[in-house]
């Protein structure tokens, strides 16, 4: 088993997880300004990415530019990993390649303190990506405990590029935001991602 094989039902049983789906987690987060470069990139790429409509096109043309903007806005003090092996506990199935991991460390050679797992929704199905995302968040939690990183909350995102759904895990409770954000809300999406990272510091 690997991250992509997990369903929510599996996780609840295997890791004794409690779900909370009733929270508007980021209602108070305000939009942040973003660069003209990102605005132009999304305007230029969006229609093409949606028309091609493959995971690769959405990843390269929409998701990656937004995450790179986040990294720029935080003065390159975070690291961004894409398509990286993250084998934390193979015996429990917590292994495999993560679409994206964001770490609090600026070091780019090693994953040191993962705090946000970003999962690309397969076939644009946000709900089916939740299991994979939660599994990666649990793996990040275990990794940080082993490394004695004092990080209490791990965040997650499942996105198709055009739609974004956020999660967080604290101890054994997973909170799934009951609001889904859309590509027109780029300022809010960036604001949420920045707030997640600030909360972890």
N, C-alpha and C. Protein backbone atom coordinates (compact mmCIF):
# COMPACT_ATOMS: atom_id res chain seq x y z
N UNK A 1 0.84 -1.19 0.00
CA UNK A 1 0.00 0.00 0.00
C UNK A 1 0.88 1.25 0.00
N UNK A 2 0.43 2.30 -0.67
CA UNK A 2 1.12 3.59 -0.63
C UNK A 2 0.08 4.68 -0.43
N UNK A 3 0.54 5.93 -0.32
CA UNK A 3 -0.36 7.05 -0.03
C UNK A 3 -1.58 7.07 -0.95
N UNK A 4 -1.34 6.86 -2.23
CA UNK A 4 -2.42 7.00 -3.21
C UNK A 4 -3.48 5.92 -3.09
N UNK A 5 -3.19 4.86 -2.35
CA UNK A 5 -4.17 3.78 -2.17
C UNK A 5 -5.11 3.99 -0.99
N UNK A 6 -4.80 4.96 -0.14
CA UNK A 6 -5.61 5.14 1.06
C UNK A 6 -6.95 5.78 0.76
N UNK A 7 -7.98 5.22 1.38
CA UNK A 7 -9.30 5.84 1.41
C UNK A 7 -9.55 6.31 2.84
N UNK A 8 -10.46 7.26 3.00
CA UNK A 8 -10.73 7.80 4.34
C UNK A 8 -11.13 6.69 5.31
N UNK A 9 -11.94 5.74 4.85
CA UNK A 9 -12.38 4.64 5.71
C UNK A 9 -11.19 3.85 6.25
N UNK A 10 -10.18 3.60 5.37
CA UNK A 10 -8.98 2.87 5.79
C UNK A 10 -8.26 3.61 6.91
N UNK A 11 -8.15 4.91 6.74
CA UNK A 11 -7.37 5.72 7.68
C UNK A 11 -8.04 5.76 9.05
N UNK A 12 -9.35 5.92 9.07
CA UNK A 12 -10.08 5.96 10.35
C UNK A 12 -9.82 4.69 11.14
N UNK A 13 -9.87 3.54 10.44
CA UNK A 13 -9.66 2.26 11.13
C UNK A 13 -8.20 2.06 11.53
N UNK A 14 -7.30 2.33 10.61
CA UNK A 14 -5.89 2.00 10.81
C UNK A 14 -5.20 2.90 11.83
N UNK A 15 -5.57 4.20 11.82
CA UNK A 15 -4.85 5.16 12.66
C UNK A 15 -5.73 5.77 13.76
N UNK A 16 -6.94 5.24 13.95
CA UNK A 16 -7.85 5.73 14.99
C UNK A 16 -8.06 7.24 14.88
N UNK A 17 -8.36 7.67 13.67
CA UNK A 17 -8.54 9.09 13.38
C UNK A 17 -10.01 9.49 13.57
N UNK A 18 -10.22 10.69 14.10
CA UNK A 18 -11.55 11.28 14.19
C UNK A 18 -11.67 12.36 13.13
N UNK A 19 -12.79 12.40 12.42
CA UNK A 19 -13.01 13.41 11.39
C UNK A 19 -13.93 14.50 11.91
N UNK A 20 -13.60 15.74 11.54
CA UNK A 20 -14.47 16.89 11.79
C UNK A 20 -14.65 17.60 10.46
N UNK A 21 -15.86 17.52 9.91
CA UNK A 21 -16.12 18.10 8.59
C UNK A 21 -16.98 19.36 8.67
N UNK A 22 -17.20 19.87 9.85
CA UNK A 22 -18.19 20.93 10.02
C UNK A 22 -17.58 22.32 10.23
N UNK A 23 -16.30 22.44 9.98
CA UNK A 23 -15.63 23.71 10.30
C UNK A 23 -15.31 24.51 9.05
N UNK A 24 -15.59 25.80 9.14
CA UNK A 24 -15.09 26.74 8.14
C UNK A 24 -13.76 27.24 8.67
N UNK A 25 -12.70 26.51 8.37
CA UNK A 25 -11.42 26.68 9.05
C UNK A 25 -10.77 28.03 8.81
N UNK A 26 -10.99 28.60 7.65
CA UNK A 26 -10.22 29.78 7.27
C UNK A 26 -11.10 30.98 6.94
N UNK A 27 -12.25 31.05 7.59
CA UNK A 27 -13.19 32.13 7.31
C UNK A 27 -12.58 33.50 7.56
N UNK A 28 -11.69 33.61 8.54
CA UNK A 28 -11.14 34.91 8.93
C UNK A 28 -9.89 35.31 8.15
N UNK A 29 -9.43 34.44 7.29
CA UNK A 29 -8.20 34.74 6.53
C UNK A 29 -8.53 35.72 5.40
N UNK A 30 -7.75 36.78 5.32
CA UNK A 30 -7.99 37.79 4.27
C UNK A 30 -7.14 37.46 3.05
N UNK A 31 -7.60 37.95 1.91
CA UNK A 31 -6.83 37.79 0.67
C UNK A 31 -5.49 38.49 0.80
N UNK A 32 -4.48 37.96 0.13
CA UNK A 32 -3.19 38.65 0.06
C UNK A 32 -2.95 39.08 -1.38
N UNK A 33 -2.19 40.14 -1.51
CA UNK A 33 -1.81 40.60 -2.84
C UNK A 33 -0.85 39.59 -3.46
N UNK A 34 -0.90 39.48 -4.76
CA UNK A 34 0.04 38.60 -5.45
C UNK A 34 0.60 39.31 -6.67
N UNK A 35 1.67 38.76 -7.17
CA UNK A 35 2.45 39.45 -8.20
C UNK A 35 1.72 39.52 -9.54
N UNK A 36 2.11 40.51 -10.32
CA UNK A 36 1.61 40.61 -11.69
C UNK A 36 2.05 39.39 -12.50
N UNK A 37 3.21 38.88 -12.15
CA UNK A 37 3.73 37.68 -12.85
C UNK A 37 2.76 36.51 -12.67
N UNK A 38 2.29 36.26 -11.42
CA UNK A 38 1.35 35.17 -11.20
C UNK A 38 0.03 35.44 -11.90
N UNK A 39 -0.45 36.68 -11.80
CA UNK A 39 -1.72 37.03 -12.46
C UNK A 39 -1.64 36.76 -13.95
N UNK A 40 -0.53 37.18 -14.57
CA UNK A 40 -0.35 36.95 -16.01
C UNK A 40 -0.25 35.46 -16.31
N UNK A 41 0.52 34.72 -15.49
CA UNK A 41 0.73 33.29 -15.72
C UNK A 41 -0.60 32.54 -15.68
N UNK A 42 -1.41 32.83 -14.67
CA UNK A 42 -2.71 32.14 -14.56
C UNK A 42 -3.62 32.53 -15.71
N UNK A 43 -3.65 33.82 -16.03
CA UNK A 43 -4.49 34.27 -17.14
C UNK A 43 -4.07 33.60 -18.45
N UNK A 44 -2.76 33.48 -18.62
CA UNK A 44 -2.21 32.89 -19.85
C UNK A 44 -2.44 31.37 -19.91
N UNK A 45 -2.34 30.71 -18.75
CA UNK A 45 -2.31 29.24 -18.74
C UNK A 45 -3.65 28.57 -18.48
N UNK A 46 -4.57 29.28 -17.82
CA UNK A 46 -5.76 28.62 -17.28
C UNK A 46 -6.58 27.91 -18.36
N UNK A 47 -6.93 28.64 -19.40
CA UNK A 47 -7.78 28.04 -20.43
C UNK A 47 -7.09 26.86 -21.10
N UNK A 48 -5.79 26.99 -21.35
CA UNK A 48 -5.04 25.91 -21.98
C UNK A 48 -5.00 24.68 -21.07
N UNK A 49 -4.70 24.90 -19.78
CA UNK A 49 -4.62 23.77 -18.84
C UNK A 49 -5.94 23.04 -18.72
N UNK A 50 -7.04 23.81 -18.67
CA UNK A 50 -8.37 23.20 -18.54
C UNK A 50 -8.76 22.49 -19.83
N UNK A 51 -8.37 23.05 -20.96
CA UNK A 51 -8.70 22.42 -22.25
C UNK A 51 -7.92 21.12 -22.44
N UNK A 52 -6.62 21.14 -22.13
CA UNK A 52 -5.84 19.90 -22.21
C UNK A 52 -6.39 18.90 -21.20
N UNK A 53 -6.68 19.41 -19.99
CA UNK A 53 -7.37 18.66 -18.93
C UNK A 53 -6.68 17.35 -18.54
N UNK A 54 -5.36 17.43 -18.37
CA UNK A 54 -4.63 16.31 -17.78
C UNK A 54 -4.08 16.77 -16.43
N UNK A 55 -3.75 15.79 -15.59
CA UNK A 55 -3.17 16.14 -14.30
C UNK A 55 -1.86 16.90 -14.49
N UNK A 56 -1.09 16.49 -15.49
CA UNK A 56 0.20 17.13 -15.75
C UNK A 56 0.02 18.60 -16.15
N UNK A 57 -0.94 18.87 -17.04
CA UNK A 57 -1.14 20.26 -17.48
C UNK A 57 -1.62 21.14 -16.32
N UNK A 58 -2.52 20.62 -15.50
CA UNK A 58 -3.02 21.40 -14.37
C UNK A 58 -1.91 21.62 -13.34
N UNK A 59 -1.09 20.60 -13.14
CA UNK A 59 0.02 20.71 -12.19
C UNK A 59 1.02 21.76 -12.64
N UNK A 60 1.47 21.65 -13.88
CA UNK A 60 2.53 22.53 -14.37
C UNK A 60 2.05 23.96 -14.59
N UNK A 61 0.82 24.12 -15.08
CA UNK A 61 0.36 25.43 -15.52
C UNK A 61 -0.41 26.22 -14.46
N UNK A 62 -0.94 25.53 -13.44
CA UNK A 62 -1.75 26.23 -12.44
C UNK A 62 -1.17 26.06 -11.03
N UNK A 63 -1.02 24.81 -10.60
CA UNK A 63 -0.65 24.56 -9.20
C UNK A 63 0.77 25.03 -8.90
N UNK A 64 1.73 24.62 -9.72
CA UNK A 64 3.13 24.97 -9.46
C UNK A 64 3.35 26.49 -9.43
N UNK A 65 2.81 27.27 -10.38
CA UNK A 65 3.02 28.72 -10.30
C UNK A 65 2.49 29.33 -8.99
N UNK A 66 1.37 28.82 -8.48
CA UNK A 66 0.83 29.36 -7.22
C UNK A 66 1.76 29.03 -6.06
N UNK A 67 2.28 27.80 -6.02
CA UNK A 67 3.18 27.41 -4.93
C UNK A 67 4.53 28.13 -5.03
N UNK A 68 4.98 28.41 -6.23
CA UNK A 68 6.21 29.19 -6.40
C UNK A 68 6.01 30.63 -5.94
N UNK A 69 4.83 31.17 -6.19
CA UNK A 69 4.51 32.51 -5.68
C UNK A 69 4.54 32.53 -4.16
N UNK A 70 3.98 31.49 -3.54
CA UNK A 70 4.02 31.38 -2.07
C UNK A 70 5.46 31.40 -1.58
N UNK A 71 6.30 30.64 -2.22
CA UNK A 71 7.72 30.57 -1.82
C UNK A 71 8.39 31.93 -1.97
N UNK A 72 8.10 32.64 -3.05
CA UNK A 72 8.67 33.98 -3.25
C UNK A 72 8.19 34.93 -2.16
N UNK A 73 6.87 34.86 -1.88
CA UNK A 73 6.31 35.79 -0.88
C UNK A 73 6.90 35.56 0.50
N UNK A 74 7.33 34.35 0.77
CA UNK A 74 7.94 34.04 2.07
C UNK A 74 9.46 34.11 2.01
N UNK A 75 9.95 34.84 1.01
CA UNK A 75 11.37 35.16 0.91
C UNK A 75 12.25 33.90 0.87
N UNK A 76 11.71 32.85 0.22
CA UNK A 76 12.45 31.60 0.00
C UNK A 76 12.89 30.93 1.31
N UNK A 77 12.14 31.19 2.39
CA UNK A 77 12.46 30.58 3.68
C UNK A 77 11.75 29.25 3.88
N UNK A 78 11.00 28.82 2.89
CA UNK A 78 10.38 27.49 2.90
C UNK A 78 10.94 26.70 1.73
N UNK A 79 10.81 25.38 1.80
CA UNK A 79 11.22 24.56 0.67
C UNK A 79 10.00 23.89 0.06
N UNK A 80 10.08 23.68 -1.23
CA UNK A 80 8.97 23.09 -1.99
C UNK A 80 9.51 21.86 -2.71
N UNK A 81 8.86 20.73 -2.46
CA UNK A 81 9.26 19.46 -3.09
C UNK A 81 8.12 18.98 -3.99
N UNK A 82 8.47 18.52 -5.17
CA UNK A 82 7.48 18.03 -6.12
C UNK A 82 7.90 16.65 -6.62
N UNK A 83 6.99 15.67 -6.49
CA UNK A 83 7.28 14.33 -6.97
C UNK A 83 8.38 13.65 -6.20
N UNK A 84 8.45 13.90 -4.89
CA UNK A 84 9.53 13.39 -4.05
C UNK A 84 9.07 12.16 -3.27
N UNK A 85 9.95 11.15 -3.20
CA UNK A 85 9.69 10.00 -2.33
C UNK A 85 9.66 10.45 -0.88
N UNK A 86 8.66 9.97 -0.14
CA UNK A 86 8.52 10.31 1.28
C UNK A 86 8.13 9.02 2.01
N UNK A 87 9.12 8.18 2.22
CA UNK A 87 8.89 6.86 2.80
C UNK A 87 9.11 6.93 4.32
N UNK A 88 8.03 7.13 5.06
CA UNK A 88 8.12 7.37 6.50
C UNK A 88 7.91 6.09 7.30
N UNK A 89 6.91 5.31 6.93
CA UNK A 89 6.60 4.07 7.66
C UNK A 89 6.02 3.07 6.67
N UNK A 90 6.89 2.44 5.87
CA UNK A 90 6.40 1.52 4.83
C UNK A 90 5.51 0.40 5.35
N UNK A 91 5.77 -0.08 6.57
CA UNK A 91 4.97 -1.17 7.11
C UNK A 91 3.50 -0.78 7.28
N UNK A 92 3.26 0.51 7.52
CA UNK A 92 1.88 0.99 7.66
C UNK A 92 1.34 1.58 6.35
N UNK A 93 2.11 1.46 5.29
CA UNK A 93 1.66 1.99 4.00
C UNK A 93 1.98 3.46 3.80
N UNK A 94 2.68 4.06 4.75
CA UNK A 94 3.01 5.49 4.64
C UNK A 94 4.29 5.64 3.83
N UNK A 95 4.14 5.45 2.54
CA UNK A 95 5.28 5.49 1.62
C UNK A 95 4.78 5.90 0.25
N UNK A 96 5.71 6.32 -0.57
CA UNK A 96 5.37 6.66 -1.94
C UNK A 96 5.80 8.07 -2.29
N UNK A 97 5.37 8.48 -3.46
CA UNK A 97 5.73 9.79 -3.99
C UNK A 97 4.62 10.78 -3.66
N UNK A 98 5.02 11.94 -3.14
CA UNK A 98 4.06 13.02 -2.85
C UNK A 98 4.04 13.99 -4.03
N UNK A 99 2.84 14.44 -4.36
CA UNK A 99 2.74 15.44 -5.44
C UNK A 99 3.55 16.68 -5.07
N UNK A 100 3.26 17.23 -3.88
CA UNK A 100 4.02 18.38 -3.37
C UNK A 100 4.10 18.28 -1.85
N UNK A 101 5.23 18.65 -1.30
CA UNK A 101 5.40 18.84 0.14
C UNK A 101 6.02 20.21 0.35
N UNK A 102 5.51 20.91 1.36
CA UNK A 102 6.09 22.20 1.75
C UNK A 102 6.69 22.03 3.13
N UNK A 103 7.94 22.44 3.28
CA UNK A 103 8.66 22.30 4.54
C UNK A 103 9.04 23.67 5.08
N UNK A 104 9.14 23.78 6.41
CA UNK A 104 9.48 25.05 7.03
C UNK A 104 10.94 25.43 6.86
N UNK A 105 11.76 24.52 6.40
CA UNK A 105 13.18 24.78 6.24
C UNK A 105 13.47 25.29 4.82
N UNK A 106 14.42 26.23 4.68
CA UNK A 106 14.80 26.65 3.33
C UNK A 106 15.65 25.62 2.59
N UNK A 107 16.11 24.58 3.29
CA UNK A 107 16.95 23.56 2.67
C UNK A 107 16.17 22.80 1.61
N UNK A 108 16.75 22.70 0.43
CA UNK A 108 16.05 22.08 -0.69
C UNK A 108 16.56 20.68 -1.00
N UNK A 109 17.69 20.27 -0.41
CA UNK A 109 18.24 18.94 -0.69
C UNK A 109 17.54 17.86 0.12
N UNK A 110 17.09 18.21 1.33
CA UNK A 110 16.47 17.24 2.23
C UNK A 110 15.15 17.76 2.75
N UNK A 111 14.19 16.85 2.94
CA UNK A 111 12.94 17.22 3.61
C UNK A 111 13.24 17.22 5.11
N UNK A 112 13.11 18.39 5.73
CA UNK A 112 13.49 18.53 7.15
C UNK A 112 12.30 18.69 8.08
N UNK A 113 11.31 19.47 7.69
CA UNK A 113 10.17 19.73 8.58
C UNK A 113 8.91 19.96 7.76
N UNK A 114 8.35 18.88 7.22
CA UNK A 114 7.16 19.02 6.36
C UNK A 114 5.95 19.49 7.15
N UNK A 115 5.23 20.47 6.60
CA UNK A 115 4.05 20.99 7.28
C UNK A 115 2.79 21.05 6.41
N UNK A 116 2.97 21.03 5.10
CA UNK A 116 1.81 21.04 4.20
C UNK A 116 2.00 19.98 3.12
N UNK A 117 1.01 19.11 2.98
CA UNK A 117 0.98 18.14 1.89
C UNK A 117 -0.04 18.63 0.86
N UNK A 118 0.38 18.74 -0.37
CA UNK A 118 -0.52 19.18 -1.45
C UNK A 118 -0.72 18.00 -2.40
N UNK A 119 -1.95 17.56 -2.53
CA UNK A 119 -2.29 16.41 -3.37
C UNK A 119 -3.07 16.89 -4.58
N UNK A 120 -2.62 16.44 -5.73
CA UNK A 120 -3.35 16.77 -6.95
C UNK A 120 -4.50 15.78 -7.12
N UNK A 121 -5.72 16.31 -7.22
CA UNK A 121 -6.90 15.46 -7.34
C UNK A 121 -6.86 14.70 -8.65
N UNK A 122 -7.03 13.40 -8.57
CA UNK A 122 -7.07 12.59 -9.78
C UNK A 122 -8.45 12.71 -10.43
N UNK A 123 -8.46 12.93 -11.73
CA UNK A 123 -9.71 13.11 -12.49
C UNK A 123 -10.57 14.21 -11.89
N UNK A 124 -9.90 15.23 -11.31
CA UNK A 124 -10.57 16.40 -10.73
C UNK A 124 -11.51 16.05 -9.58
N UNK A 125 -11.34 14.89 -8.98
CA UNK A 125 -12.21 14.44 -7.90
C UNK A 125 -11.57 14.78 -6.56
N UNK A 126 -11.99 15.91 -5.99
CA UNK A 126 -11.41 16.39 -4.74
C UNK A 126 -11.64 15.39 -3.61
N UNK A 127 -12.85 14.86 -3.51
CA UNK A 127 -13.20 13.97 -2.39
C UNK A 127 -12.33 12.72 -2.40
N UNK A 128 -12.09 12.14 -3.56
CA UNK A 128 -11.29 10.91 -3.61
C UNK A 128 -9.83 11.16 -3.25
N UNK A 129 -9.39 12.40 -3.32
CA UNK A 129 -8.01 12.73 -2.96
C UNK A 129 -7.81 12.95 -1.47
N UNK A 130 -8.90 13.02 -0.70
CA UNK A 130 -8.77 13.31 0.73
C UNK A 130 -8.02 12.21 1.48
N UNK A 131 -8.29 10.94 1.14
CA UNK A 131 -7.62 9.83 1.80
C UNK A 131 -6.11 9.90 1.63
N UNK A 132 -5.67 10.14 0.39
CA UNK A 132 -4.24 10.26 0.12
C UNK A 132 -3.64 11.41 0.90
N UNK A 133 -4.34 12.55 0.92
CA UNK A 133 -3.82 13.72 1.59
C UNK A 133 -3.68 13.48 3.10
N UNK A 134 -4.70 12.88 3.70
CA UNK A 134 -4.65 12.61 5.15
C UNK A 134 -3.51 11.65 5.47
N UNK A 135 -3.31 10.63 4.62
CA UNK A 135 -2.21 9.68 4.84
C UNK A 135 -0.86 10.41 4.81
N UNK A 136 -0.69 11.33 3.88
CA UNK A 136 0.56 12.09 3.80
C UNK A 136 0.71 13.01 5.00
N UNK A 137 -0.39 13.57 5.49
CA UNK A 137 -0.34 14.43 6.67
C UNK A 137 0.06 13.62 7.91
N UNK A 138 -0.47 12.42 8.04
CA UNK A 138 -0.10 11.54 9.17
C UNK A 138 1.39 11.20 9.08
N UNK A 139 1.86 10.92 7.86
CA UNK A 139 3.28 10.63 7.67
C UNK A 139 4.14 11.82 8.08
N UNK A 140 3.71 13.03 7.71
CA UNK A 140 4.45 14.24 8.11
C UNK A 140 4.46 14.39 9.62
N UNK A 141 3.35 14.08 10.24
CA UNK A 141 3.24 14.14 11.70
C UNK A 141 4.25 13.18 12.35
N UNK A 142 4.29 11.94 11.86
CA UNK A 142 5.22 10.94 12.39
C UNK A 142 6.67 11.37 12.14
N UNK A 143 6.93 11.86 10.94
CA UNK A 143 8.28 12.32 10.59
C UNK A 143 8.74 13.40 11.56
N UNK A 144 7.90 14.39 11.81
CA UNK A 144 8.28 15.49 12.68
C UNK A 144 8.48 15.04 14.12
N UNK A 145 7.67 14.08 14.57
CA UNK A 145 7.86 13.54 15.91
C UNK A 145 9.21 12.85 16.03
N UNK A 146 9.58 12.07 15.03
CA UNK A 146 10.86 11.37 15.04
C UNK A 146 12.03 12.35 15.03
N UNK A 147 11.87 13.43 14.27
CA UNK A 147 12.94 14.42 14.16
C UNK A 147 12.93 15.43 15.31
N UNK A 148 11.95 15.26 16.22
CA UNK A 148 11.78 16.17 17.36
C UNK A 148 11.54 17.60 16.91
N UNK A 149 10.82 17.73 15.79
CA UNK A 149 10.37 19.05 15.34
C UNK A 149 9.11 19.41 16.13
N UNK A 150 9.10 20.56 16.72
CA UNK A 150 7.98 20.96 17.56
C UNK A 150 6.87 21.56 16.70
N UNK A 151 6.23 20.70 15.92
CA UNK A 151 5.16 21.14 15.01
C UNK A 151 3.89 20.42 15.42
N UNK A 152 2.91 21.17 15.90
CA UNK A 152 1.70 20.57 16.46
C UNK A 152 0.61 20.31 15.42
N UNK A 153 0.63 21.08 14.34
CA UNK A 153 -0.43 20.98 13.34
C UNK A 153 0.18 20.76 11.96
N UNK A 154 -0.38 19.82 11.22
CA UNK A 154 0.00 19.59 9.83
C UNK A 154 -1.19 19.95 8.96
N UNK A 155 -0.92 20.60 7.85
CA UNK A 155 -1.99 21.03 6.95
C UNK A 155 -1.94 20.23 5.66
N UNK A 156 -3.06 20.20 4.97
CA UNK A 156 -3.14 19.51 3.70
C UNK A 156 -4.03 20.25 2.73
N UNK A 157 -3.81 19.99 1.46
CA UNK A 157 -4.63 20.59 0.39
C UNK A 157 -4.86 19.52 -0.67
N UNK A 158 -6.09 19.41 -1.12
CA UNK A 158 -6.38 18.62 -2.31
C UNK A 158 -6.87 19.60 -3.36
N UNK A 159 -6.24 19.57 -4.52
CA UNK A 159 -6.57 20.56 -5.54
C UNK A 159 -6.56 19.95 -6.94
N UNK A 160 -7.45 20.47 -7.76
CA UNK A 160 -7.43 20.15 -9.18
C UNK A 160 -6.75 21.28 -9.96
N UNK A 161 -6.25 22.26 -9.23
CA UNK A 161 -5.74 23.47 -9.86
C UNK A 161 -6.80 24.55 -9.87
N UNK A 162 -8.00 24.19 -10.31
CA UNK A 162 -9.10 25.16 -10.34
C UNK A 162 -9.91 25.14 -9.05
N UNK A 163 -9.90 24.03 -8.32
CA UNK A 163 -10.61 23.89 -7.05
C UNK A 163 -9.61 23.51 -5.96
N UNK A 164 -9.80 24.08 -4.74
CA UNK A 164 -8.87 23.85 -3.63
C UNK A 164 -9.65 23.56 -2.36
N UNK A 165 -9.29 22.46 -1.68
CA UNK A 165 -9.94 22.07 -0.41
C UNK A 165 -8.84 21.86 0.63
N UNK A 166 -9.00 22.49 1.79
CA UNK A 166 -7.96 22.49 2.82
C UNK A 166 -8.33 21.59 3.99
N UNK A 167 -7.28 21.07 4.65
CA UNK A 167 -7.45 20.19 5.82
C UNK A 167 -6.37 20.55 6.84
N UNK A 168 -6.57 20.08 8.07
CA UNK A 168 -5.49 20.12 9.05
C UNK A 168 -5.67 18.94 10.01
N UNK A 169 -4.55 18.50 10.60
CA UNK A 169 -4.60 17.44 11.59
C UNK A 169 -3.89 17.92 12.85
N UNK A 170 -4.58 17.74 13.97
CA UNK A 170 -4.00 18.02 15.29
C UNK A 170 -4.19 16.78 16.14
N UNK A 171 -3.09 16.20 16.60
CA UNK A 171 -3.12 14.93 17.31
C UNK A 171 -3.82 13.88 16.46
N UNK A 172 -5.00 13.40 16.84
CA UNK A 172 -5.68 12.38 16.04
C UNK A 172 -6.99 12.88 15.43
N UNK A 173 -7.16 14.19 15.37
CA UNK A 173 -8.37 14.75 14.76
C UNK A 173 -8.02 15.42 13.44
N UNK A 174 -8.71 15.02 12.39
CA UNK A 174 -8.55 15.64 11.08
C UNK A 174 -9.73 16.57 10.83
N UNK A 175 -9.43 17.83 10.57
CA UNK A 175 -10.46 18.82 10.25
C UNK A 175 -10.45 19.04 8.74
N UNK A 176 -11.60 18.83 8.12
CA UNK A 176 -11.74 19.05 6.68
C UNK A 176 -12.58 20.29 6.48
N UNK A 177 -12.00 21.30 5.86
CA UNK A 177 -12.72 22.56 5.66
C UNK A 177 -13.99 22.30 4.86
N UNK A 178 -15.10 22.89 5.30
CA UNK A 178 -16.35 22.67 4.58
C UNK A 178 -16.54 23.66 3.43
N UNK A 179 -15.51 24.45 3.15
CA UNK A 179 -15.57 25.40 2.04
C UNK A 179 -14.55 24.99 0.99
N UNK A 180 -14.97 25.04 -0.26
CA UNK A 180 -14.05 24.77 -1.36
C UNK A 180 -13.76 26.10 -2.06
N UNK A 181 -12.49 26.36 -2.33
CA UNK A 181 -12.09 27.61 -2.97
C UNK A 181 -11.78 27.36 -4.44
N UNK A 182 -11.91 28.43 -5.22
CA UNK A 182 -11.77 28.31 -6.67
C UNK A 182 -10.64 29.21 -7.16
N UNK A 183 -10.22 28.98 -8.38
CA UNK A 183 -9.05 29.66 -8.92
C UNK A 183 -9.23 31.18 -8.91
N UNK A 184 -10.46 31.67 -8.98
CA UNK A 184 -10.68 33.11 -8.91
C UNK A 184 -10.33 33.66 -7.52
N UNK A 185 -10.19 32.77 -6.53
CA UNK A 185 -9.87 33.17 -5.17
C UNK A 185 -8.37 33.03 -4.88
N UNK A 186 -7.51 33.32 -5.85
CA UNK A 186 -6.07 33.10 -5.66
C UNK A 186 -5.55 33.84 -4.43
N UNK A 187 -6.00 35.06 -4.22
CA UNK A 187 -5.56 35.84 -3.06
C UNK A 187 -5.92 35.16 -1.76
N UNK A 188 -7.11 34.58 -1.69
CA UNK A 188 -7.54 33.86 -0.49
C UNK A 188 -6.73 32.56 -0.33
N UNK A 189 -6.52 31.83 -1.43
CA UNK A 189 -5.75 30.57 -1.38
C UNK A 189 -4.34 30.84 -0.86
N UNK A 190 -3.70 31.88 -1.38
CA UNK A 190 -2.36 32.24 -0.91
C UNK A 190 -2.39 32.69 0.55
N UNK A 191 -3.44 33.42 0.92
CA UNK A 191 -3.58 33.85 2.31
C UNK A 191 -3.70 32.67 3.26
N UNK A 192 -4.46 31.67 2.86
CA UNK A 192 -4.61 30.46 3.69
C UNK A 192 -3.27 29.73 3.81
N UNK A 193 -2.60 29.54 2.68
CA UNK A 193 -1.30 28.83 2.72
C UNK A 193 -0.30 29.57 3.61
N UNK A 194 -0.26 30.90 3.49
CA UNK A 194 0.66 31.68 4.33
C UNK A 194 0.28 31.56 5.81
N UNK A 195 -0.99 31.57 6.10
CA UNK A 195 -1.42 31.47 7.51
C UNK A 195 -1.07 30.11 8.08
N UNK A 196 -1.19 29.06 7.28
CA UNK A 196 -0.81 27.71 7.73
C UNK A 196 0.66 27.67 8.12
N UNK A 197 1.50 28.25 7.29
CA UNK A 197 2.94 28.24 7.56
C UNK A 197 3.27 29.08 8.78
N UNK A 198 2.61 30.22 8.90
CA UNK A 198 2.87 31.07 10.07
C UNK A 198 2.44 30.36 11.36
N UNK A 199 1.32 29.63 11.30
CA UNK A 199 0.84 28.93 12.49
C UNK A 199 1.81 27.84 12.94
N UNK A 200 2.58 27.31 11.99
CA UNK A 200 3.51 26.24 12.31
C UNK A 200 4.83 26.74 12.88
N UNK A 201 5.11 28.03 12.67
CA UNK A 201 6.39 28.58 13.11
C UNK A 201 6.40 28.75 14.62
